Amino acid sequence: MAGNEEMASLEESFRKFAIYGDTKATGQEMNGKNWAKLCKDCKVTDGKSVTSTDVDIVFSKVKGKTARVINYEEFKKALEELAPKRFKDKSKEEAYEAICQLVAGKEPINVGVTKAKTVGAVERLTDTSKYTGSHKERFDESGKGKGKSGRENIVDTSGYVSAYKNAGTYDAKVKK
């Protein structure tokens, strides 16, 4: 079978794809969407001998009856199922090693991710140092937003009478 360091990188690839796109994922289990992405990104699916339908069928075959995810052991079984289909000219063991080499060390590819541009008008409009009026009050000197305290006048309700706006000014009004 494959070498020990190759198995470690295979498991690392499994974890990276398992957490891709899911903030609550632990990396211990992979869903069908991420399994399909792994097969596509690592070139396990070639469109001829292994299609996306084959990938979905293998996922359904190796997962539990009511489960929606696969663990690392089931992931290795799924690769074993796909290996002879992908590499028809090799023996079962050679095909499994070849498919492990395709997956090992890989991570999800972010295709079509839009990057924010700050040019021209966008840069001028987002520069908080140039804000005036009430908008200027919403940001501190570094340009970081103040949150709710920048948007609303927060009333001090710590006095004897609730919502009394002039707390501490009685002595100034009434001189003895």
C-alpha atoms as a PDB file:
ATOM      1  CA  MET A   1       0.000   0.000   0.000  1.00  0.00           C
ATOM      2  CA  ALA A   2       0.955   3.681   0.103  1.00  0.00           C
ATOM      3  CA  GLY A   3       3.731   5.081   2.320  1.00  0.00           C
ATOM      4  CA  ASN A   4       3.149   6.439   5.823  1.00  0.00           C
ATOM      5  CA  GLU A   5       3.850  10.098   4.916  1.00  0.00           C
ATOM      6  CA  GLU A   6       1.557   9.775   1.902  1.00  0.00           C
ATOM      7  CA  MET A   7      -1.247   8.515   4.176  1.00  0.00           C
ATOM      8  CA  ALA A   8      -0.676  11.515   6.480  1.00  0.00           C
ATOM      9  CA  SER A   9      -0.984  13.918   3.550  1.00  0.00           C
ATOM     10  CA  LEU A  10      -4.050  11.990   2.318  1.00  0.00           C
ATOM     11  CA  GLU A  11      -5.681  12.444   5.726  1.00  0.00           C
ATOM     12  CA  GLU A  12      -4.689  16.132   5.717  1.00  0.00           C
ATOM     13  CA  SER A  13      -6.374  16.564   2.318  1.00  0.00           C
ATOM     14  CA  PHE A  14      -9.471  14.800   3.666  1.00  0.00           C
ATOM     15  CA  ARG A  15      -9.626  17.255   6.596  1.00  0.00           C
ATOM     16  CA  LYS A  16      -9.122  20.329   4.404  1.00  0.00           C
ATOM     17  CA  PHE A  17     -11.907  19.311   2.035  1.00  0.00           C
ATOM     18  CA  ALA A  18     -14.151  18.237   4.935  1.00  0.00           C
ATOM     19  CA  ILE A  19     -14.141  21.719   6.491  1.00  0.00           C
ATOM     20  CA  TYR A  20     -14.368  23.590   3.182  1.00  0.00           C
ATOM     21  CA  GLY A  21     -17.391  25.894   3.068  1.00  0.00           C
ATOM     22  CA  ASP A  22     -18.741  24.837   6.466  1.00  0.00           C
ATOM     23  CA  THR A  23     -17.884  26.945   9.511  1.00  0.00           C
ATOM     24  CA  LYS A  24     -19.221  24.314  11.945  1.00  0.00           C
ATOM     25  CA  ALA A  25     -17.308  21.366  10.435  1.00  0.00           C
ATOM     26  CA  THR A  26     -14.704  19.624  12.597  1.00  0.00           C
ATOM     27  CA  GLY A  27     -12.796  17.908   9.798  1.00  0.00           C
ATOM     28  CA  GLN A  28     -13.764  14.424  11.007  1.00  0.00           C
ATOM     29  CA  GLU A  29     -16.622  13.904   8.525  1.00  0.00           C
ATOM     30  CA  MET A  30     -17.156  14.916   4.903  1.00  0.00           C
ATOM     31  CA  ASN A  31     -20.479  15.595   3.211  1.00  0.00           C
ATOM     32  CA  GLY A  32     -21.394  14.649  -0.360  1.00  0.00           C
ATOM     33  CA  LYS A  33     -20.865  18.131  -1.763  1.00  0.00           C
ATOM     34  CA  ASN A  34     -17.299  18.293  -0.440  1.00  0.00           C
ATOM     35  CA  TRP A  35     -16.619  14.713  -1.637  1.00  0.00           C
ATOM     36  CA  ALA A  36     -17.683  15.749  -5.152  1.00  0.00           C
ATOM     37  CA  LYS A  37     -15.487  18.864  -4.913  1.00  0.00           C
ATOM     38  CA  LEU A  38     -12.509  16.772  -3.801  1.00  0.00           C
ATOM     39  CA  CYS A  39     -12.953  14.428  -6.764  1.00  0.00           C
ATOM     40  CA  LYS A  40     -13.268  17.347  -9.186  1.00  0.00           C
ATOM     41  CA  ASP A  41     -10.376  19.442  -7.799  1.00  0.00           C
ATOM     42  CA  CYS A  42      -7.979  16.473  -7.524  1.00  0.00           C
ATOM     43  CA  LYS A  43      -8.824  15.300 -11.069  1.00  0.00           C
ATOM     44  CA  VAL A  44     -10.293  11.976  -9.909  1.00  0.00           C
ATOM     45  CA  THR A  45     -13.256  12.653 -12.213  1.00  0.00           C
ATOM     46  CA  ASP A  46     -12.093  12.800 -15.802  1.00  0.00           C
ATOM     47  CA  GLY A  47     -15.472  12.925 -17.540  1.00  0.00           C
ATOM     48  CA  LYS A  48     -14.939   9.624 -19.371  1.00  0.00           C
ATOM     49  CA  SER A  49     -14.177   6.701 -17.071  1.00  0.00           C
ATOM     50  CA  VAL A  50     -15.199   8.456 -13.820  1.00  0.00           C
ATOM     51  CA  THR A  51     -18.082  10.924 -13.965  1.00  0.00           C
ATOM     52  CA  SER A  52     -19.814  12.978 -11.291  1.00  0.00           C
ATOM     53  CA  THR A  53     -22.584  10.362 -11.247  1.00  0.00           C
ATOM     54  CA  ASP A  54     -20.032   7.641 -10.397  1.00  0.00           C
ATOM     55  CA  VAL A  55     -18.705   9.838  -7.590  1.00  0.00           C
ATOM     56  CA  ASP A  56     -22.213  10.277  -6.136  1.00  0.00           C
ATOM     57  CA  ILE A  57     -22.968   6.546  -6.401  1.00  0.00           C
ATOM     58  CA  VAL A  58     -19.740   5.598  -4.621  1.00  0.00           C
ATOM     59  CA  PHE A  59     -20.484   8.142  -1.860  1.00  0.00           C
ATOM     60  CA  SER A  60     -23.942   6.613  -1.329  1.00  0.00           C
ATOM     61  CA  LYS A  61     -22.474   3.116  -1.317  1.00  0.00           C
ATOM     62  CA  VAL A  62     -19.815   3.714   1.369  1.00  0.00           C
ATOM     63  CA  LYS A  63     -21.797   5.899   3.784  1.00  0.00           C
ATOM     64  CA  GLY A  64     -24.122   4.470   6.416  1.00  0.00           C
ATOM     65  CA  LYS A  65     -27.773   3.790   5.580  1.00  0.00           C
ATOM     66  CA  THR A  66     -29.148   6.916   7.280  1.00  0.00           C
ATOM     67  CA  ALA A  67     -25.909   8.935   7.384  1.00  0.00           C
ATOM     68  CA  ARG A  68     -25.314  12.069   5.333  1.00  0.00           C
ATOM     69  CA  VAL A  69     -21.530  12.149   5.836  1.00  0.00           C
ATOM     70  CA  ILE A  70     -18.520   9.822   5.588  1.00  0.00           C
ATOM     71  CA  ASN A  71     -15.562   9.515   7.958  1.00  0.00           C
ATOM     72  CA  TYR A  72     -11.909   8.971   6.995  1.00  0.00           C
ATOM     73  CA  GLU A  73     -12.182   5.155   6.855  1.00  0.00           C
ATOM     74  CA  GLU A  74     -15.236   5.349   4.573  1.00  0.00           C
ATOM     75  CA  PHE A  75     -13.351   7.938   2.509  1.00  0.00           C
ATOM     76  CA  LYS A  76     -10.532   5.427   1.920  1.00  0.00           C
ATOM     77  CA  LYS A  77     -13.120   2.782   0.922  1.00  0.00           C
ATOM     78  CA  ALA A  78     -14.624   5.253  -1.537  1.00  0.00           C
ATOM     79  CA  LEU A  79     -11.194   5.854  -3.092  1.00  0.00           C
ATOM     80  CA  GLU A  80     -10.733   2.075  -3.350  1.00  0.00           C
ATOM     81  CA  GLU A  81     -14.080   1.848  -5.183  1.00  0.00           C
ATOM     82  CA  LEU A  82     -13.130   4.580  -7.664  1.00  0.00           C
ATOM     83  CA  ALA A  83      -9.508   3.487  -8.239  1.00  0.00           C
ATOM     84  CA  PRO A  84     -10.148   0.574 -10.670  1.00  0.00           C
ATOM     85  CA  LYS A  85     -12.569   2.740 -12.670  1.00  0.00           C
ATOM     86  CA  ARG A  86     -10.114   5.631 -12.967  1.00  0.00           C
ATOM     87  CA  PHE A  87      -7.020   3.519 -13.696  1.00  0.00           C
ATOM     88  CA  LYS A  88      -8.289   0.545 -15.731  1.00  0.00           C
ATOM     89  CA  ASP A  89      -4.845  -0.550 -16.952  1.00  0.00           C
ATOM     90  CA  LYS A  90      -3.402  -1.037 -13.424  1.00  0.00           C
ATOM     91  CA  SER A  91      -3.930  -3.669 -10.755  1.00  0.00           C
ATOM     92  CA  LYS A  92      -6.236  -2.893  -7.812  1.00  0.00           C
ATOM     93  CA  GLU A  93      -3.356  -2.002  -5.467  1.00  0.00           C
ATOM     94  CA  GLU A  94      -1.516   0.110  -8.069  1.00  0.00           C
ATOM     95  CA  ALA A  95      -4.746   1.900  -8.957  1.00  0.00           C
ATOM     96  CA  TYR A  96      -5.421   2.673  -5.272  1.00  0.00           C
ATOM     97  CA  GLU A  97      -1.892   4.076  -4.847  1.00  0.00           C
ATOM     98  CA  ALA A  98      -2.288   6.182  -7.990  1.00  0.00           C
ATOM     99  CA  ILE A  99      -5.606   7.632  -6.831  1.00  0.00           C
ATOM    100  CA  CYS A 100      -4.100   8.344  -3.388  1.00  0.00           C
ATOM    101  CA  GLN A 101      -1.286  10.252  -5.099  1.00  0.00           C
ATOM    102  CA  LEU A 102      -3.878  12.338  -6.959  1.00  0.00           C
ATOM    103  CA  VAL A 103      -5.588  13.349  -3.699  1.00  0.00           C
ATOM    104  CA  ALA A 104      -2.644  13.514  -1.262  1.00  0.00           C
ATOM    105  CA  GLY A 105      -1.414  16.998  -0.403  1.00  0.00           C
ATOM    106  CA  LYS A 106      -4.174  18.812  -2.282  1.00  0.00           C
ATOM    107  CA  GLU A 107      -6.525  21.442  -0.910  1.00  0.00           C
ATOM    108  CA  PRO A 108      -9.750  23.058  -2.173  1.00  0.00           C
ATOM    109  CA  ILE A 109      -9.398  25.415  -5.124  1.00  0.00           C
ATOM    110  CA  ASN A 110     -11.271  28.710  -4.918  1.00  0.00           C
ATOM    111  CA  VAL A 111     -12.370  29.369  -8.487  1.00  0.00           C
ATOM    112  CA  GLY A 112     -14.270  32.524  -9.341  1.00  0.00           C
ATOM    113  CA  VAL A 113     -13.803  34.182  -5.964  1.00  0.00           C
ATOM    114  CA  THR A 114     -14.310  37.910  -6.355  1.00  0.00           C
ATOM    115  CA  LYS A 115     -11.642  40.113  -4.868  1.00  0.00           C
ATOM    116  CA  ALA A 116     -12.570  43.595  -3.627  1.00  0.00           C
ATOM    117  CA  LYS A 117     -11.086  46.491  -5.555  1.00  0.00           C
ATOM    118  CA  THR A 118     -10.373  49.855  -3.984  1.00  0.00           C
ATOM    119  CA  VAL A 119      -9.749  52.182  -6.886  1.00  0.00           C
ATOM    120  CA  GLY A 120     -11.105  55.559  -7.903  1.00  0.00           C
ATOM    121  CA  ALA A 121     -14.435  56.441  -6.365  1.00  0.00           C
ATOM    122  CA  VAL A 122     -14.564  53.385  -4.103  1.00  0.00           C
ATOM    123  CA  GLU A 123     -11.371  54.401  -2.332  1.00  0.00           C
ATOM    124  CA  ARG A 124     -12.576  57.977  -1.881  1.00  0.00           C
ATOM    125  CA  LEU A 125     -15.986  56.907  -0.590  1.00  0.00           C
ATOM    126  CA  THR A 126     -14.599  54.415   1.927  1.00  0.00           C
ATOM    127  CA  ASP A 127     -11.913  56.721   3.387  1.00  0.00           C
ATOM    128  CA  THR A 128     -13.393  57.557   6.826  1.00  0.00           C
ATOM    129  CA  SER A 129     -10.967  60.455   7.403  1.00  0.00           C
ATOM    130  CA  LYS A 130     -12.829  62.469   4.739  1.00  0.00           C
ATOM    131  CA  TYR A 131     -16.280  62.023   6.288  1.00  0.00           C
ATOM    132  CA  THR A 132     -18.080  65.126   7.590  1.00  0.00           C
ATOM    133  CA  GLY A 133     -21.129  65.932   9.680  1.00  0.00           C
ATOM    134  CA  SER A 134     -22.940  63.203  11.584  1.00  0.00           C
ATOM    135  CA  HIS A 135     -21.152  60.458   9.603  1.00  0.00           C
ATOM    136  CA  LYS A 136     -17.822  61.576  11.074  1.00  0.00           C
ATOM    137  CA  GLU A 137     -19.123  60.781  14.575  1.00  0.00           C
ATOM    138  CA  ARG A 138     -19.579  57.093  13.661  1.00  0.00           C
ATOM    139  CA  PHE A 139     -15.828  56.384  13.360  1.00  0.00           C
ATOM    140  CA  ASP A 140     -12.840  56.848  15.672  1.00  0.00           C
ATOM    141  CA  GLU A 141      -9.476  58.359  14.616  1.00  0.00           C
ATOM    142  CA  SER A 142      -8.190  55.062  13.195  1.00  0.00           C
ATOM    143  CA  GLY A 143     -11.237  54.662  10.928  1.00  0.00           C
ATOM    144  CA  LYS A 144     -12.797  51.834  12.925  1.00  0.00           C
ATOM    145  CA  GLY A 145     -16.554  52.035  13.375  1.00  0.00           C
ATOM    146  CA  LYS A 146     -17.897  52.793  16.858  1.00  0.00           C
ATOM    147  CA  GLY A 147     -20.933  50.546  16.423  1.00  0.00           C
ATOM    148  CA  LYS A 148     -24.160  51.463  18.193  1.00  0.00           C
ATOM    149  CA  SER A 149     -22.554  54.301  20.148  1.00  0.00           C
ATOM    150  CA  GLY A 150     -21.675  55.990  16.837  1.00  0.00           C
ATOM    151  CA  ARG A 151     -25.230  55.685  15.478  1.00  0.00           C
ATOM    152  CA  GLU A 152     -27.389  56.596  18.464  1.00  0.00           C
ATOM    153  CA  ASN A 153     -27.243  58.964  21.386  1.00  0.00           C
ATOM    154  CA  ILE A 154     -27.146  56.598  24.327  1.00  0.00           C
ATOM    155  CA  VAL A 155     -28.910  58.097  27.333  1.00  0.00           C
ATOM    156  CA  ASP A 156     -27.456  57.626  30.817  1.00  0.00           C
ATOM    157  CA  THR A 157     -30.262  56.030  32.831  1.00  0.00           C
ATOM    158  CA  SER A 158     -28.300  55.637  36.032  1.00  0.00           C
ATOM    159  CA  GLY A 159     -30.095  58.424  37.992  1.00  0.00           C
ATOM    160  CA  TYR A 160     -32.956  58.444  40.475  1.00  0.00           C
ATOM    161  CA  VAL A 161     -35.413  59.330  37.720  1.00  0.00           C
ATOM    162  CA  SER A 162     -35.058  57.133  34.645  1.00  0.00           C
ATOM    163  CA  ALA A 163     -34.224  58.865  31.336  1.00  0.00           C
ATOM    164  CA  TYR A 164     -33.219  62.109  33.156  1.00  0.00           C
ATOM    165  CA  LYS A 165     -30.857  63.775  30.668  1.00  0.00           C
ATOM    166  CA  ASN A 166     -29.182  66.400  32.867  1.00  0.00           C
ATOM    167  CA  ALA A 167     -27.717  64.266  35.634  1.00  0.00           C
ATOM    168  CA  GLY A 168     -25.246  66.109  37.839  1.00  0.00           C
ATOM    169  CA  THR A 169     -26.312  69.619  36.795  1.00  0.00           C
ATOM    170  CA  TYR A 170     -28.559  70.489  39.768  1.00  0.00           C
ATOM    171  CA  ASP A 171     -25.790  72.079  41.783  1.00  0.00           C
ATOM    172  CA  ALA A 172     -24.848  74.331  38.869  1.00  0.00           C
ATOM    173  CA  LYS A 173     -28.439  75.590  38.506  1.00  0.00           C
ATOM    174  CA  VAL A 174     -29.159  76.131  42.199  1.00  0.00           C
ATOM    175  CA  LYS A 175     -26.444  78.201  43.804  1.00  0.00           C
ATOM    176  CA  LYS A 176     -26.369  78.395  47.579  1.00  0.00           C
END
